């Protein structure tokens, strides 16, 4: 919940919040939700996960990993 309260978007959180909003009478459609929220958020989560988590772990591991010997 803190993640959402800080203003960050996460696709799994939005999969709960937006359908809940629709059930409570929100003024948007499922197509609006997918086009304007879910697709951009998923793309942003992928880019952020790859750039900030994957590349960070890769660069730190590459520096500390033992040297590979050819087979």
C-alpha atoms as a PDB file:
ATOM      1  CA  UNK A   1       0.000   0.000   0.000  1.00  0.00           C
ATOM      2  CA  UNK A   2       2.875   2.350   0.719  1.00  0.00           C
ATOM      3  CA  UNK A   3       4.095   1.787  -2.838  1.00  0.00           C
ATOM      4  CA  UNK A   4       0.791   3.096  -4.186  1.00  0.00           C
ATOM      5  CA  UNK A   5       0.551   5.903  -1.618  1.00  0.00           C
ATOM      6  CA  UNK A   6       3.936   7.216  -2.779  1.00  0.00           C
ATOM      7  CA  UNK A   7       2.482   7.697  -6.275  1.00  0.00           C
ATOM      8  CA  UNK A   8       4.276   4.864  -8.049  1.00  0.00           C
ATOM      9  CA  UNK A   9       2.387   2.750 -10.556  1.00  0.00           C
ATOM     10  CA  UNK A  10       2.558  -1.024 -10.542  1.00  0.00           C
ATOM     11  CA  UNK A  11       0.621  -3.220 -12.918  1.00  0.00           C
ATOM     12  CA  UNK A  12      -0.430  -5.757 -10.278  1.00  0.00           C
ATOM     13  CA  UNK A  13      -1.685  -3.029  -7.913  1.00  0.00           C
ATOM     14  CA  UNK A  14      -3.607  -1.436 -10.778  1.00  0.00           C
ATOM     15  CA  UNK A  15      -5.203  -4.785 -11.651  1.00  0.00           C
ATOM     16  CA  UNK A  16      -6.970  -4.511  -8.296  1.00  0.00           C
ATOM     17  CA  UNK A  17      -7.574  -0.781  -8.021  1.00  0.00           C
ATOM     18  CA  UNK A  18      -9.050  -0.027 -11.432  1.00  0.00           C
ATOM     19  CA  UNK A  19     -11.597  -2.874 -11.523  1.00  0.00           C
ATOM     20  CA  UNK A  20     -12.562  -1.850  -7.983  1.00  0.00           C
ATOM     21  CA  UNK A  21     -13.051   1.685  -9.267  1.00  0.00           C
ATOM     22  CA  UNK A  22     -15.229   0.407 -12.096  1.00  0.00           C
ATOM     23  CA  UNK A  23     -17.394  -1.554  -9.651  1.00  0.00           C
ATOM     24  CA  UNK A  24     -17.789   1.597  -7.555  1.00  0.00           C
ATOM     25  CA  UNK A  25     -19.008   3.577 -10.567  1.00  0.00           C
ATOM     26  CA  UNK A  26     -15.833   5.065 -12.019  1.00  0.00           C
ATOM     27  CA  UNK A  27     -16.268   7.067 -15.212  1.00  0.00           C
ATOM     28  CA  UNK A  28     -13.961   5.059 -17.488  1.00  0.00           C
ATOM     29  CA  UNK A  29     -14.126   1.887 -19.532  1.00  0.00           C
ATOM     30  CA  UNK A  30     -12.036  -1.251 -19.496  1.00  0.00           C
ATOM     31  CA  UNK A  31     -10.548  -0.165 -22.831  1.00  0.00           C
ATOM     32  CA  UNK A  32      -9.554   3.199 -21.289  1.00  0.00           C
ATOM     33  CA  UNK A  33      -7.928   1.308 -18.430  1.00  0.00           C
ATOM     34  CA  UNK A  34      -5.887  -0.928 -20.737  1.00  0.00           C
ATOM     35  CA  UNK A  35      -4.824   1.764 -23.219  1.00  0.00           C
ATOM     36  CA  UNK A  36      -4.103   4.632 -20.821  1.00  0.00           C
ATOM     37  CA  UNK A  37      -2.907   2.745 -17.775  1.00  0.00           C
ATOM     38  CA  UNK A  38      -2.112  -0.951 -17.949  1.00  0.00           C
ATOM     39  CA  UNK A  39      -0.049  -0.979 -21.156  1.00  0.00           C
ATOM     40  CA  UNK A  40       2.139   2.057 -20.259  1.00  0.00           C
ATOM     41  CA  UNK A  41       2.573   0.824 -16.683  1.00  0.00           C
ATOM     42  CA  UNK A  42       3.601  -2.675 -17.783  1.00  0.00           C
ATOM     43  CA  UNK A  43       6.110  -1.209 -20.245  1.00  0.00           C
ATOM     44  CA  UNK A  44       7.447   1.119 -17.549  1.00  0.00           C
ATOM     45  CA  UNK A  45       7.708  -1.730 -15.048  1.00  0.00           C
ATOM     46  CA  UNK A  46       9.614  -3.812 -17.592  1.00  0.00           C
ATOM     47  CA  UNK A  47      12.039  -1.006 -18.435  1.00  0.00           C
ATOM     48  CA  UNK A  48      12.502  -0.109 -14.774  1.00  0.00           C
ATOM     49  CA  UNK A  49      12.955  -3.712 -13.722  1.00  0.00           C
ATOM     50  CA  UNK A  50      15.494  -4.397 -16.433  1.00  0.00           C
ATOM     51  CA  UNK A  51      17.390  -1.117 -16.065  1.00  0.00           C
ATOM     52  CA  UNK A  52      17.376  -0.629 -12.313  1.00  0.00           C
ATOM     53  CA  UNK A  53      17.366  -4.218 -11.089  1.00  0.00           C
ATOM     54  CA  UNK A  54      18.747  -6.398 -13.862  1.00  0.00           C
ATOM     55  CA  UNK A  55      21.532  -4.151 -15.067  1.00  0.00           C
ATOM     56  CA  UNK A  56      22.532  -3.195 -11.522  1.00  0.00           C
ATOM     57  CA  UNK A  57      22.840  -6.829 -10.488  1.00  0.00           C
ATOM     58  CA  UNK A  58      24.644  -7.694 -13.702  1.00  0.00           C
ATOM     59  CA  UNK A  59      27.231  -4.925 -13.361  1.00  0.00           C
ATOM     60  CA  UNK A  60      27.954  -5.698  -9.711  1.00  0.00           C
ATOM     61  CA  UNK A  61      28.210  -9.421 -10.390  1.00  0.00           C
ATOM     62  CA  UNK A  62      30.397  -8.947 -13.452  1.00  0.00           C
ATOM     63  CA  UNK A  63      32.931  -7.049 -11.351  1.00  0.00           C
ATOM     64  CA  UNK A  64      33.020  -9.559  -8.502  1.00  0.00           C
ATOM     65  CA  UNK A  65      32.600 -12.810 -10.437  1.00  0.00           C
ATOM     66  CA  UNK A  66      35.630 -15.085 -10.785  1.00  0.00           C
ATOM     67  CA  UNK A  67      37.308 -15.054 -14.191  1.00  0.00           C
ATOM     68  CA  UNK A  68      35.987 -17.670 -16.608  1.00  0.00           C
ATOM     69  CA  UNK A  69      38.352 -20.192 -18.088  1.00  0.00           C
ATOM     70  CA  UNK A  70      37.786 -21.377 -21.664  1.00  0.00           C
ATOM     71  CA  UNK A  71      36.539 -24.949 -21.950  1.00  0.00           C
END
